[in-house]
């Protein structure tokens, strides 16, 4: 559970600009497949809370990568 929180906080820092030194195109391109797989995994076997927070996180990253 703690690992999920740490991962979410790390990914969220990229979306919110805390890690703005990273090239956004490289970040978006480099995580596209992982975001798709994460969304599918959440839909397949995530609990209610992880599905909601995971879906929100994926949507935020997807929106930032458009």
PDB file of N, CA and C in Angstrom:
ATOM      1  N   UNK A   1       0.826  -1.191   0.000  1.00  0.00           N
ATOM      2  CA  UNK A   1       0.000   0.000   0.000  1.00  0.00           C
ATOM      3  C   UNK A   1       0.870   1.253   0.000  1.00  0.00           C
ATOM      4  N   UNK A   2       1.909   1.264   0.836  1.00  0.00           N
ATOM      5  CA  UNK A   2       2.788   2.428   0.899  1.00  0.00           C
ATOM      6  C   UNK A   2       3.508   2.622  -0.429  1.00  0.00           C
ATOM      7  N   UNK A   3       3.894   1.515  -1.085  1.00  0.00           N
ATOM      8  CA  UNK A   3       4.567   1.609  -2.376  1.00  0.00           C
ATOM      9  C   UNK A   3       3.671   2.274  -3.409  1.00  0.00           C
ATOM     10  N   UNK A   4       2.381   1.953  -3.392  1.00  0.00           N
ATOM     11  CA  UNK A   4       1.446   2.573  -4.325  1.00  0.00           C
ATOM     12  C   UNK A   4       1.365   4.070  -4.092  1.00  0.00           C
ATOM     13  N   UNK A   5       1.360   4.477  -2.827  1.00  0.00           N
ATOM     14  CA  UNK A   5       1.301   5.907  -2.506  1.00  0.00           C
ATOM     15  C   UNK A   5       2.561   6.625  -2.974  1.00  0.00           C
ATOM     16  N   UNK A   6       3.710   5.995  -2.757  1.00  0.00           N
ATOM     17  CA  UNK A   6       4.969   6.598  -3.179  1.00  0.00           C
ATOM     18  C   UNK A   6       5.017   6.717  -4.700  1.00  0.00           C
ATOM     19  N   UNK A   7       4.596   5.678  -5.388  1.00  0.00           N
ATOM     20  CA  UNK A   7       4.569   5.701  -6.845  1.00  0.00           C
ATOM     21  C   UNK A   7       3.624   6.778  -7.352  1.00  0.00           C
ATOM     22  N   UNK A   8       2.448   6.867  -6.770  1.00  0.00           N
ATOM     23  CA  UNK A   8       1.481   7.879  -7.182  1.00  0.00           C
ATOM     24  C   UNK A   8       2.030   9.281  -6.955  1.00  0.00           C
ATOM     25  N   UNK A   9       2.665   9.504  -5.816  1.00  0.00           N
ATOM     26  CA  UNK A   9       3.227  10.822  -5.517  1.00  0.00           C
ATOM     27  C   UNK A   9       4.351  11.165  -6.491  1.00  0.00           C
ATOM     28  N   UNK A  10       5.163  10.170  -6.837  1.00  0.00           N
ATOM     29  CA  UNK A  10       6.259  10.398  -7.779  1.00  0.00           C
ATOM     30  C   UNK A  10       5.715  10.754  -9.153  1.00  0.00           C
ATOM     31  N   UNK A  11       4.777   9.975  -9.631  1.00  0.00           N
ATOM     32  CA  UNK A  11       4.197  10.266 -10.948  1.00  0.00           C
ATOM     33  C   UNK A  11       3.466  11.595 -10.948  1.00  0.00           C
ATOM     34  N   UNK A  12       2.778  11.888  -9.863  1.00  0.00           N
ATOM     35  CA  UNK A  12       2.052  13.145  -9.782  1.00  0.00           C
ATOM     36  C   UNK A  12       3.000  14.334  -9.821  1.00  0.00           C
ATOM     37  N   UNK A  13       4.200  14.188  -9.281  1.00  0.00           N
ATOM     38  CA  UNK A  13       5.155  15.296  -9.305  1.00  0.00           C
ATOM     39  C   UNK A  13       5.514  15.669 -10.734  1.00  0.00           C
ATOM     40  N   UNK A  14       5.552  14.703 -11.630  1.00  0.00           N
ATOM     41  CA  UNK A  14       5.822  15.015 -13.028  1.00  0.00           C
ATOM     42  C   UNK A  14       4.676  15.795 -13.654  1.00  0.00           C
ATOM     43  N   UNK A  15       3.465  15.425 -13.327  1.00  0.00           N
ATOM     44  CA  UNK A  15       2.288  16.084 -13.889  1.00  0.00           C
ATOM     45  C   UNK A  15       2.162  17.510 -13.377  1.00  0.00           C
ATOM     46  N   UNK A  16       2.469  17.734 -12.118  1.00  0.00           N
ATOM     47  CA  UNK A  16       2.287  19.056 -11.525  1.00  0.00           C
ATOM     48  C   UNK A  16       3.453  19.987 -11.774  1.00  0.00           C
ATOM     49  N   UNK A  17       4.501  19.498 -12.393  1.00  0.00           N
ATOM     50  CA  UNK A  17       5.615  20.369 -12.737  1.00  0.00           C
ATOM     51  C   UNK A  17       6.746  20.376 -11.735  1.00  0.00           C
ATOM     52  N   UNK A  18       6.688  19.563 -10.715  1.00  0.00           N
ATOM     53  CA  UNK A  18       7.772  19.527  -9.728  1.00  0.00           C
ATOM     54  C   UNK A  18       9.061  19.032 -10.349  1.00  0.00           C
ATOM     55  N   UNK A  19       8.958  18.283 -11.389  1.00  0.00           N
ATOM     56  CA  UNK A  19      10.143  17.773 -12.070  1.00  0.00           C
ATOM     57  C   UNK A  19      10.207  18.372 -13.468  1.00  0.00           C
ATOM     58  N   UNK A  20      10.097  19.673 -13.553  1.00  0.00           N
ATOM     59  CA  UNK A  20       9.982  20.349 -14.838  1.00  0.00           C
ATOM     60  C   UNK A  20      11.246  20.267 -15.684  1.00  0.00           C
ATOM     61  N   UNK A  21      12.360  19.833 -15.118  1.00  0.00           N
ATOM     62  CA  UNK A  21      13.582  19.706 -15.894  1.00  0.00           C
ATOM     63  C   UNK A  21      13.495  18.548 -16.886  1.00  0.00           C
ATOM     64  N   UNK A  22      12.536  17.668 -16.711  1.00  0.00           N
ATOM     65  CA  UNK A  22      12.361  16.531 -17.603  1.00  0.00           C
ATOM     66  C   UNK A  22      11.647  16.993 -18.864  1.00  0.00           C
ATOM     67  N   UNK A  23      12.109  16.542 -19.997  1.00  0.00           N
ATOM     68  CA  UNK A  23      11.464  16.860 -21.262  1.00  0.00           C
ATOM     69  C   UNK A  23      10.086  16.198 -21.288  1.00  0.00           C
ATOM     70  N   UNK A  24       9.038  17.013 -21.433  1.00  0.00           N
ATOM     71  CA  UNK A  24       7.673  16.479 -21.400  1.00  0.00           C
ATOM     72  C   UNK A  24       7.417  15.457 -22.496  1.00  0.00           C
ATOM     73  N   UNK A  25       7.937  15.690 -23.695  1.00  0.00           N
ATOM     74  CA  UNK A  25       7.725  14.724 -24.769  1.00  0.00           C
ATOM     75  C   UNK A  25       8.362  13.389 -24.427  1.00  0.00           C
ATOM     76  N   UNK A  26       9.564  13.428 -23.881  1.00  0.00           N
ATOM     77  CA  UNK A  26      10.235  12.183 -23.507  1.00  0.00           C
ATOM     78  C   UNK A  26       9.462  11.486 -22.400  1.00  0.00           C
ATOM     79  N   UNK A  27       8.980  12.242 -21.442  1.00  0.00           N
ATOM     80  CA  UNK A  27       8.201  11.659 -20.344  1.00  0.00           C
ATOM     81  C   UNK A  27       6.919  11.034 -20.872  1.00  0.00           C
ATOM     82  N   UNK A  28       6.210  11.750 -21.699  1.00  0.00           N
ATOM     83  CA  UNK A  28       4.940  11.247 -22.231  1.00  0.00           C
ATOM     84  C   UNK A  28       5.158  10.027 -23.120  1.00  0.00           C
ATOM     85  N   UNK A  29       6.124  10.124 -24.026  1.00  0.00           N
ATOM     86  CA  UNK A  29       6.401   9.010 -24.926  1.00  0.00           C
ATOM     87  C   UNK A  29       6.923   7.800 -24.148  1.00  0.00           C
ATOM     88  N   UNK A  30       7.760   8.063 -23.170  1.00  0.00           N
ATOM     89  CA  UNK A  30       8.364   6.979 -22.407  1.00  0.00           C
ATOM     90  C   UNK A  30       7.413   6.257 -21.471  1.00  0.00           C
ATOM     91  N   UNK A  31       6.315   6.917 -21.096  1.00  0.00           N
ATOM     92  CA  UNK A  31       5.374   6.296 -20.163  1.00  0.00           C
ATOM     93  C   UNK A  31       4.058   5.878 -20.812  1.00  0.00           C
ATOM     94  N   UNK A  32       3.899   6.100 -22.095  1.00  0.00           N
ATOM     95  CA  UNK A  32       2.626   5.806 -22.764  1.00  0.00           C
ATOM     96  C   UNK A  32       2.199   4.350 -22.586  1.00  0.00           C
ATOM     97  N   UNK A  33       3.091   3.442 -22.860  1.00  0.00           N
ATOM     98  CA  UNK A  33       2.762   2.022 -22.742  1.00  0.00           C
ATOM     99  C   UNK A  33       2.490   1.635 -21.287  1.00  0.00           C
ATOM    100  N   UNK A  34       3.306   2.150 -20.368  1.00  0.00           N
ATOM    101  CA  UNK A  34       3.115   1.829 -18.948  1.00  0.00           C
ATOM    102  C   UNK A  34       1.787   2.373 -18.433  1.00  0.00           C
ATOM    103  N   UNK A  35       1.397   3.557 -18.889  1.00  0.00           N
ATOM    104  CA  UNK A  35       0.115   4.125 -18.457  1.00  0.00           C
ATOM    105  C   UNK A  35      -1.045   3.290 -18.969  1.00  0.00           C
ATOM    106  N   UNK A  36      -0.946   2.827 -20.197  1.00  0.00           N
ATOM    107  CA  UNK A  36      -2.000   1.986 -20.772  1.00  0.00           C
ATOM    108  C   UNK A  36      -2.106   0.668 -20.014  1.00  0.00           C
ATOM    109  N   UNK A  37      -0.957   0.054 -19.721  1.00  0.00           N
ATOM    110  CA  UNK A  37      -0.955  -1.208 -18.980  1.00  0.00           C
ATOM    111  C   UNK A  37      -1.478  -1.018 -17.557  1.00  0.00           C
ATOM    112  N   UNK A  38      -1.117   0.110 -16.935  1.00  0.00           N
ATOM    113  CA  UNK A  38      -1.582   0.398 -15.577  1.00  0.00           C
ATOM    114  C   UNK A  38      -3.103   0.552 -15.565  1.00  0.00           C
ATOM    115  N   UNK A  39      -3.630   1.271 -16.520  1.00  0.00           N
ATOM    116  CA  UNK A  39      -5.081   1.457 -16.590  1.00  0.00           C
ATOM    117  C   UNK A  39      -5.792   0.120 -16.781  1.00  0.00           C
ATOM    118  N   UNK A  40      -5.238  -0.741 -17.617  1.00  0.00           N
ATOM    119  CA  UNK A  40      -5.840  -2.061 -17.836  1.00  0.00           C
ATOM    120  C   UNK A  40      -5.768  -2.915 -16.571  1.00  0.00           C
ATOM    121  N   UNK A  41      -4.651  -2.845 -15.869  1.00  0.00           N
ATOM    122  CA  UNK A  41      -4.507  -3.623 -14.629  1.00  0.00           C
ATOM    123  C   UNK A  41      -5.476  -3.139 -13.568  1.00  0.00           C
ATOM    124  N   UNK A  42      -5.654  -1.839 -13.461  1.00  0.00           N
ATOM    125  CA  UNK A  42      -6.613  -1.300 -12.494  1.00  0.00           C
ATOM    126  C   UNK A  42      -8.021  -1.789 -12.799  1.00  0.00           C
ATOM    127  N   UNK A  43      -8.354  -1.791 -14.076  1.00  0.00           N
ATOM    128  CA  UNK A  43      -9.686  -2.239 -14.471  1.00  0.00           C
ATOM    129  C   UNK A  43      -9.875  -3.732 -14.214  1.00  0.00           C
ATOM    130  N   UNK A  44      -8.810  -4.501 -14.366  1.00  0.00           N
ATOM    131  CA  UNK A  44      -8.907  -5.953 -14.224  1.00  0.00           C
ATOM    132  C   UNK A  44      -8.954  -6.414 -12.774  1.00  0.00           C
ATOM    133  N   UNK A  45      -8.053  -5.925 -11.927  1.00  0.00           N
ATOM    134  CA  UNK A  45      -7.982  -6.492 -10.588  1.00  0.00           C
ATOM    135  C   UNK A  45      -7.792  -5.484  -9.457  1.00  0.00           C
ATOM    136  N   UNK A  46      -7.955  -4.207  -9.724  1.00  0.00           N
ATOM    137  CA  UNK A  46      -7.791  -3.209  -8.669  1.00  0.00           C
ATOM    138  C   UNK A  46      -9.000  -3.174  -7.747  1.00  0.00           C
ATOM    139  N   UNK A  47      -8.756  -2.782  -6.497  1.00  0.00           N
ATOM    140  CA  UNK A  47      -9.867  -2.577  -5.573  1.00  0.00           C
ATOM    141  C   UNK A  47     -10.543  -1.257  -5.907  1.00  0.00           C
ATOM    142  N   UNK A  48     -11.658  -0.993  -5.273  1.00  0.00           N
ATOM    143  CA  UNK A  48     -12.423   0.211  -5.581  1.00  0.00           C
ATOM    144  C   UNK A  48     -11.600   1.486  -5.449  1.00  0.00           C
ATOM    145  N   UNK A  49     -10.891   1.639  -4.341  1.00  0.00           N
ATOM    146  CA  UNK A  49     -10.124   2.865  -4.121  1.00  0.00           C
ATOM    147  C   UNK A  49      -8.983   2.996  -5.123  1.00  0.00           C
ATOM    148  N   UNK A  50      -8.274   1.904  -5.402  1.00  0.00           N
ATOM    149  CA  UNK A  50      -7.155   1.985  -6.344  1.00  0.00           C
ATOM    150  C   UNK A  50      -7.635   2.237  -7.760  1.00  0.00           C
ATOM    151  N   UNK A  51      -8.802   1.741  -8.098  1.00  0.00           N
ATOM    152  CA  UNK A  51      -9.353   2.008  -9.429  1.00  0.00           C
ATOM    153  C   UNK A  51      -9.645   3.498  -9.582  1.00  0.00           C
ATOM    154  N   UNK A  52     -10.246   4.093  -8.577  1.00  0.00           N
ATOM    155  CA  UNK A  52     -10.594   5.518  -8.652  1.00  0.00           C
ATOM    156  C   UNK A  52      -9.335   6.374  -8.682  1.00  0.00           C
ATOM    157  N   UNK A  53      -8.410   6.155  -7.754  1.00  0.00           N
ATOM    158  CA  UNK A  53      -7.212   6.991  -7.716  1.00  0.00           C
ATOM    159  C   UNK A  53      -6.309   6.716  -8.913  1.00  0.00           C
ATOM    160  N   UNK A  54      -6.205   5.467  -9.321  1.00  0.00           N
ATOM    161  CA  UNK A  54      -5.395   5.134 -10.488  1.00  0.00           C
ATOM    162  C   UNK A  54      -5.958   5.740 -11.760  1.00  0.00           C
ATOM    163  N   UNK A  55      -7.259   5.673 -11.926  1.00  0.00           N
ATOM    164  CA  UNK A  55      -7.892   6.256 -13.118  1.00  0.00           C
ATOM    165  C   UNK A  55      -7.684   7.767 -13.141  1.00  0.00           C
ATOM    166  N   UNK A  56      -7.787   8.410 -11.991  1.00  0.00           N
ATOM    167  CA  UNK A  56      -7.556   9.852 -11.915  1.00  0.00           C
ATOM    168  C   UNK A  56      -6.124  10.179 -12.293  1.00  0.00           C
ATOM    169  N   UNK A  57      -5.188   9.436 -11.765  1.00  0.00           N
ATOM    170  CA  UNK A  57      -3.778   9.650 -12.063  1.00  0.00           C
ATOM    171  C   UNK A  57      -3.497   9.469 -13.551  1.00  0.00           C
ATOM    172  N   UNK A  58      -3.995   8.393 -14.131  1.00  0.00           N
ATOM    173  CA  UNK A  58      -3.775   8.140 -15.560  1.00  0.00           C
ATOM    174  C   UNK A  58      -4.394   9.259 -16.395  1.00  0.00           C
ATOM    175  N   UNK A  59      -5.599   9.703 -16.053  1.00  0.00           N
ATOM    176  CA  UNK A  59      -6.244  10.801 -16.797  1.00  0.00           C
ATOM    177  C   UNK A  59      -5.433  12.085 -16.699  1.00  0.00           C
ATOM    178  N   UNK A  60      -4.878  12.369 -15.532  1.00  0.00           N
ATOM    179  CA  UNK A  60      -4.086  13.586 -15.357  1.00  0.00           C
ATOM    180  C   UNK A  60      -2.820  13.545 -16.208  1.00  0.00           C
ATOM    181  N   UNK A  61      -2.153  12.400 -16.208  1.00  0.00           N
ATOM    182  CA  UNK A  61      -0.936  12.264 -17.003  1.00  0.00           C
ATOM    183  C   UNK A  61      -1.273  12.298 -18.497  1.00  0.00           C
ATOM    184  N   UNK A  62      -2.348  11.613 -18.885  1.00  0.00           N
ATOM    185  CA  UNK A  62      -2.765  11.638 -20.287  1.00  0.00           C
ATOM    186  C   UNK A  62      -3.081  13.058 -20.741  1.00  0.00           C
ATOM    187  N   UNK A  63      -3.774  13.817 -19.898  1.00  0.00           N
ATOM    188  CA  UNK A  63      -4.117  15.197 -20.264  1.00  0.00           C
ATOM    189  C   UNK A  63      -2.872  16.058 -20.405  1.00  0.00           C
ATOM    190  N   UNK A  64      -1.901  15.839 -19.546  1.00  0.00           N
ATOM    191  CA  UNK A  64      -0.660  16.619 -19.623  1.00  0.00           C
ATOM    192  C   UNK A  64       0.171  16.235 -20.834  1.00  0.00           C
ATOM    193  N   UNK A  65      -0.046  15.059 -21.370  1.00  0.00           N
ATOM    194  CA  UNK A  65       0.747  14.557 -22.497  1.00  0.00           C
ATOM    195  C   UNK A  65       0.075  14.772 -23.845  1.00  0.00           C
ATOM    196  N   UNK A  66      -0.954  15.554 -23.905  1.00  0.00           N
ATOM    197  CA  UNK A  66      -1.609  15.822 -25.199  1.00  0.00           C
ATOM    198  C   UNK A  66      -0.992  17.006 -25.862  1.00  0.00           C
TER     199      UNK A  66
END
